[in-house]
Amino acid sequence: MNNLNISYEMYVELCHELLGRVGSARNEYKAILCPLRGGFFLSYFMSVHLDLPISYIEISSYAGKEQRRFQIGIRPELVDGKFLLCDDIFDSGNTIRQIHSMYPHVQFDPICLVSKIKDAGVTYGFLAEKDQWVDFWWEVM
């Protein structure tokens, strides 16, 4: 398995690219839903530039590089509406499916810095190879 390193500079470029794609829909969103920890930096960037509040959900399916059962901590009460769902990576789609199942009455527009699947219905900034492990700048400081 080869690694893809997302530097701070590349992260900023990807954030601006994603902002350009979703910025015009800003008024459609009630808020941003941020899956902690991976979605934090993208959510913060979008919140500042779109002037939207952030709701945090603590959800994880990884222990190191191994996928496991979901661990759910903080779970916000979301009312009907449309949320911008900001995460670091779209890998298997499990996190987004889990969030959809937890909030069936809420509509989400998912965006990710990196996707490993081209046509997954997710707006992403960079398409990685399926076998790449992605390291973000905040993980390797």
C-alpha atoms as a PDB file:
ATOM      1  CA  MET A   1       0.000   0.000   0.000  1.00  0.00           C
ATOM      2  CA  ASN A   2       1.473   3.358  -1.001  1.00  0.00           C
ATOM      3  CA  ASN A   3       0.835   6.595   0.875  1.00  0.00           C
ATOM      4  CA  LEU A   4      -0.588   9.865  -0.375  1.00  0.00           C
ATOM      5  CA  ASN A   5       0.526  12.826   1.721  1.00  0.00           C
ATOM      6  CA  ILE A   6      -1.794  15.828   1.757  1.00  0.00           C
ATOM      7  CA  SER A   7       0.355  18.806   2.773  1.00  0.00           C
ATOM      8  CA  TYR A   8      -1.040  21.959   4.344  1.00  0.00           C
ATOM      9  CA  GLU A   9      -0.633  23.767   1.014  1.00  0.00           C
ATOM     10  CA  MET A  10      -2.534  21.061  -0.867  1.00  0.00           C
ATOM     11  CA  TYR A  11      -5.240  21.068   1.835  1.00  0.00           C
ATOM     12  CA  VAL A  12      -5.740  24.834   1.362  1.00  0.00           C
ATOM     13  CA  GLU A  13      -5.962  24.405  -2.431  1.00  0.00           C
ATOM     14  CA  LEU A  14      -8.513  21.591  -2.064  1.00  0.00           C
ATOM     15  CA  CYS A  15     -10.576  23.638   0.400  1.00  0.00           C
ATOM     16  CA  HIS A  16     -10.727  26.591  -1.988  1.00  0.00           C
ATOM     17  CA  GLU A  17     -11.658  24.284  -4.862  1.00  0.00           C
ATOM     18  CA  LEU A  18     -14.496  22.766  -2.811  1.00  0.00           C
ATOM     19  CA  LEU A  19     -15.631  26.206  -1.656  1.00  0.00           C
ATOM     20  CA  GLY A  20     -15.922  27.225  -5.298  1.00  0.00           C
ATOM     21  CA  ARG A  21     -18.163  24.242  -5.962  1.00  0.00           C
ATOM     22  CA  VAL A  22     -20.534  24.557  -2.985  1.00  0.00           C
ATOM     23  CA  GLY A  23     -20.376  28.258  -2.159  1.00  0.00           C
ATOM     24  CA  SER A  24     -23.301  29.238  -4.381  1.00  0.00           C
ATOM     25  CA  ALA A  25     -25.569  26.828  -2.451  1.00  0.00           C
ATOM     26  CA  ARG A  26     -24.708  28.440   0.915  1.00  0.00           C
ATOM     27  CA  ASN A  27     -28.279  29.627   1.589  1.00  0.00           C
ATOM     28  CA  GLU A  28     -29.625  26.078   1.181  1.00  0.00           C
ATOM     29  CA  TYR A  29     -27.763  24.837   4.264  1.00  0.00           C
ATOM     30  CA  LYS A  30     -28.945  25.049   7.833  1.00  0.00           C
ATOM     31  CA  ALA A  31     -25.452  24.241   9.138  1.00  0.00           C
ATOM     32  CA  ILE A  32     -22.377  22.079   8.638  1.00  0.00           C
ATOM     33  CA  LEU A  33     -22.203  18.574  10.084  1.00  0.00           C
ATOM     34  CA  CYS A  34     -18.645  17.737  11.102  1.00  0.00           C
ATOM     35  CA  PRO A  35     -17.626  14.124  11.763  1.00  0.00           C
ATOM     36  CA  LEU A  36     -14.873  14.361  14.359  1.00  0.00           C
ATOM     37  CA  ARG A  37     -11.890  14.156  13.985  1.00  0.00           C
ATOM     38  CA  GLY A  38     -11.352  13.857  10.246  1.00  0.00           C
ATOM     39  CA  GLY A  39     -13.865  16.479   9.194  1.00  0.00           C
ATOM     40  CA  PHE A  40     -12.713  19.184  11.607  1.00  0.00           C
ATOM     41  CA  PHE A  41     -10.375  21.247   9.432  1.00  0.00           C
ATOM     42  CA  LEU A  42     -12.586  21.200   6.314  1.00  0.00           C
ATOM     43  CA  SER A  43     -15.667  22.004   8.428  1.00  0.00           C
ATOM     44  CA  TYR A  44     -13.909  24.936  10.085  1.00  0.00           C
ATOM     45  CA  PHE A  45     -12.732  26.292   6.721  1.00  0.00           C
ATOM     46  CA  MET A  46     -16.240  26.039   5.241  1.00  0.00           C
ATOM     47  CA  SER A  47     -17.825  27.556   8.350  1.00  0.00           C
ATOM     48  CA  VAL A  48     -15.576  30.610   8.187  1.00  0.00           C
ATOM     49  CA  HIS A  49     -16.067  31.149   4.437  1.00  0.00           C
ATOM     50  CA  LEU A  50     -19.786  30.308   4.242  1.00  0.00           C
ATOM     51  CA  ASP A  51     -20.727  31.837   7.609  1.00  0.00           C
ATOM     52  CA  LEU A  52     -22.476  28.648   8.745  1.00  0.00           C
ATOM     53  CA  PRO A  53     -22.579  27.130  12.242  1.00  0.00           C
ATOM     54  CA  ILE A  54     -21.070  23.685  12.864  1.00  0.00           C
ATOM     55  CA  SER A  55     -22.715  20.695  14.538  1.00  0.00           C
ATOM     56  CA  TYR A  56     -20.241  18.028  15.638  1.00  0.00           C
ATOM     57  CA  ILE A  57     -20.742  14.277  15.560  1.00  0.00           C
ATOM     58  CA  GLU A  58     -18.154  11.988  17.116  1.00  0.00           C
ATOM     59  CA  ILE A  59     -18.026   8.940  14.885  1.00  0.00           C
ATOM     60  CA  SER A  60     -15.142   6.658  13.999  1.00  0.00           C
ATOM     61  CA  SER A  61     -14.632   3.352  12.260  1.00  0.00           C
ATOM     62  CA  TYR A  62     -10.835   3.247  12.205  1.00  0.00           C
ATOM     63  CA  ALA A  63      -8.258   2.126  14.740  1.00  0.00           C
ATOM     64  CA  GLY A  64      -4.967   3.033  13.100  1.00  0.00           C
ATOM     65  CA  LYS A  65      -5.229   1.713   9.536  1.00  0.00           C
ATOM     66  CA  GLU A  66      -7.820  -0.957  10.376  1.00  0.00           C
ATOM     67  CA  GLN A  67     -11.551  -0.490   9.834  1.00  0.00           C
ATOM     68  CA  ARG A  68     -13.758  -1.710  12.672  1.00  0.00           C
ATOM     69  CA  ARG A  69     -17.264  -1.245  14.044  1.00  0.00           C
ATOM     70  CA  PHE A  70     -18.483   2.305  14.451  1.00  0.00           C
ATOM     71  CA  GLN A  71     -17.807   4.076  17.708  1.00  0.00           C
ATOM     72  CA  ILE A  72     -20.312   6.890  18.276  1.00  0.00           C
ATOM     73  CA  GLY A  73     -19.819   9.483  20.997  1.00  0.00           C
ATOM     74  CA  ILE A  74     -21.273  12.972  20.622  1.00  0.00           C
ATOM     75  CA  ARG A  75     -24.483  12.829  18.616  1.00  0.00           C
ATOM     76  CA  PRO A  76     -26.197  16.145  17.886  1.00  0.00           C
ATOM     77  CA  GLU A  77     -29.944  16.529  17.628  1.00  0.00           C
ATOM     78  CA  LEU A  78     -30.519  17.548  14.023  1.00  0.00           C
ATOM     79  CA  VAL A  79     -33.886  18.870  12.958  1.00  0.00           C
ATOM     80  CA  ASP A  80     -35.216  18.731   9.442  1.00  0.00           C
ATOM     81  CA  GLY A  81     -33.188  20.612   6.920  1.00  0.00           C
ATOM     82  CA  LYS A  82     -30.207  20.384   4.648  1.00  0.00           C
ATOM     83  CA  PHE A  83     -26.672  20.137   6.032  1.00  0.00           C
ATOM     84  CA  LEU A  84     -23.269  20.359   4.406  1.00  0.00           C
ATOM     85  CA  LEU A  85     -21.471  17.198   5.569  1.00  0.00           C
ATOM     86  CA  CYS A  86     -17.706  17.850   5.572  1.00  0.00           C
ATOM     87  CA  ASP A  87     -15.265  14.963   5.986  1.00  0.00           C
ATOM     88  CA  ASP A  88     -11.621  14.379   5.192  1.00  0.00           C
ATOM     89  CA  ILE A  89     -11.948  11.287   3.009  1.00  0.00           C
ATOM     90  CA  PHE A  90     -14.545   9.196   1.212  1.00  0.00           C
ATOM     91  CA  ASP A  91     -13.155   5.678   1.336  1.00  0.00           C
ATOM     92  CA  SER A  92     -15.821   2.985   1.605  1.00  0.00           C
ATOM     93  CA  GLY A  93     -18.830   5.251   2.139  1.00  0.00           C
ATOM     94  CA  ASN A  94     -19.568   3.600   5.482  1.00  0.00           C
ATOM     95  CA  THR A  95     -19.377   6.793   7.550  1.00  0.00           C
ATOM     96  CA  ILE A  96     -21.782   8.701   5.333  1.00  0.00           C
ATOM     97  CA  ARG A  97     -24.187   5.727   5.177  1.00  0.00           C
ATOM     98  CA  GLN A  98     -24.065   5.457   8.982  1.00  0.00           C
ATOM     99  CA  ILE A  99     -24.830   9.165   9.369  1.00  0.00           C
ATOM    100  CA  HIS A 100     -27.729   8.905   6.891  1.00  0.00           C
ATOM    101  CA  SER A 101     -29.171   6.001   8.876  1.00  0.00           C
ATOM    102  CA  MET A 102     -28.922   7.995  12.118  1.00  0.00           C
ATOM    103  CA  TYR A 103     -30.724  11.000  10.595  1.00  0.00           C
ATOM    104  CA  PRO A 104     -33.184   9.694   7.977  1.00  0.00           C
ATOM    105  CA  HIS A 105     -35.204  12.942   8.049  1.00  0.00           C
ATOM    106  CA  VAL A 106     -32.194  15.149   7.260  1.00  0.00           C
ATOM    107  CA  GLN A 107     -30.750  15.875   3.828  1.00  0.00           C
ATOM    108  CA  PHE A 108     -26.950  15.965   3.433  1.00  0.00           C
ATOM    109  CA  ASP A 109     -24.625  17.266   0.753  1.00  0.00           C
ATOM    110  CA  PRO A 110     -21.361  15.422   1.461  1.00  0.00           C
ATOM    111  CA  ILE A 111     -18.030  16.949   0.532  1.00  0.00           C
ATOM    112  CA  CYS A 112     -14.600  15.442   1.153  1.00  0.00           C
ATOM    113  CA  LEU A 113     -11.055  16.565   0.578  1.00  0.00           C
ATOM    114  CA  VAL A 114     -10.165  13.186  -0.961  1.00  0.00           C
ATOM    115  CA  SER A 115     -12.256  10.387  -2.467  1.00  0.00           C
ATOM    116  CA  LYS A 116     -11.216   6.913  -3.486  1.00  0.00           C
ATOM    117  CA  ILE A 117     -14.373   6.417  -5.565  1.00  0.00           C
ATOM    118  CA  LYS A 118     -14.973   8.566  -8.635  1.00  0.00           C
ATOM    119  CA  ASP A 119     -18.753   8.460  -9.043  1.00  0.00           C
ATOM    120  CA  ALA A 120     -20.036   8.142  -5.482  1.00  0.00           C
ATOM    121  CA  GLY A 121     -22.318  11.176  -5.360  1.00  0.00           C
ATOM    122  CA  VAL A 122     -19.813  13.025  -3.173  1.00  0.00           C
ATOM    123  CA  THR A 123     -18.154  16.313  -4.062  1.00  0.00           C
ATOM    124  CA  TYR A 124     -14.411  15.890  -3.590  1.00  0.00           C
ATOM    125  CA  GLY A 125     -11.230  17.797  -4.261  1.00  0.00           C
ATOM    126  CA  PHE A 126      -8.807  14.990  -5.124  1.00  0.00           C
ATOM    127  CA  LEU A 127      -9.288  11.447  -6.414  1.00  0.00           C
ATOM    128  CA  ALA A 128      -6.869   8.984  -4.797  1.00  0.00           C
ATOM    129  CA  GLU A 129      -6.144   5.438  -5.834  1.00  0.00           C
ATOM    130  CA  LYS A 130      -8.169   2.787  -4.028  1.00  0.00           C
ATOM    131  CA  ASP A 131      -5.068   1.189  -2.503  1.00  0.00           C
ATOM    132  CA  GLN A 132      -3.528   4.435  -1.228  1.00  0.00           C
ATOM    133  CA  TRP A 133      -3.393   5.270   2.464  1.00  0.00           C
ATOM    134  CA  VAL A 134      -3.979   9.013   2.842  1.00  0.00           C
ATOM    135  CA  ASP A 135      -1.998  10.990   5.431  1.00  0.00           C
ATOM    136  CA  PHE A 136      -3.192  14.532   6.107  1.00  0.00           C
ATOM    137  CA  TRP A 137      -0.890  17.262   7.386  1.00  0.00           C
ATOM    138  CA  TRP A 138      -2.581  17.319  10.798  1.00  0.00           C
ATOM    139  CA  GLU A 139      -1.833  13.622  11.292  1.00  0.00           C
ATOM    140  CA  VAL A 140       1.891  13.813  10.524  1.00  0.00           C
ATOM    141  CA  MET A 141       2.950  17.102  12.177  1.00  0.00           C
END
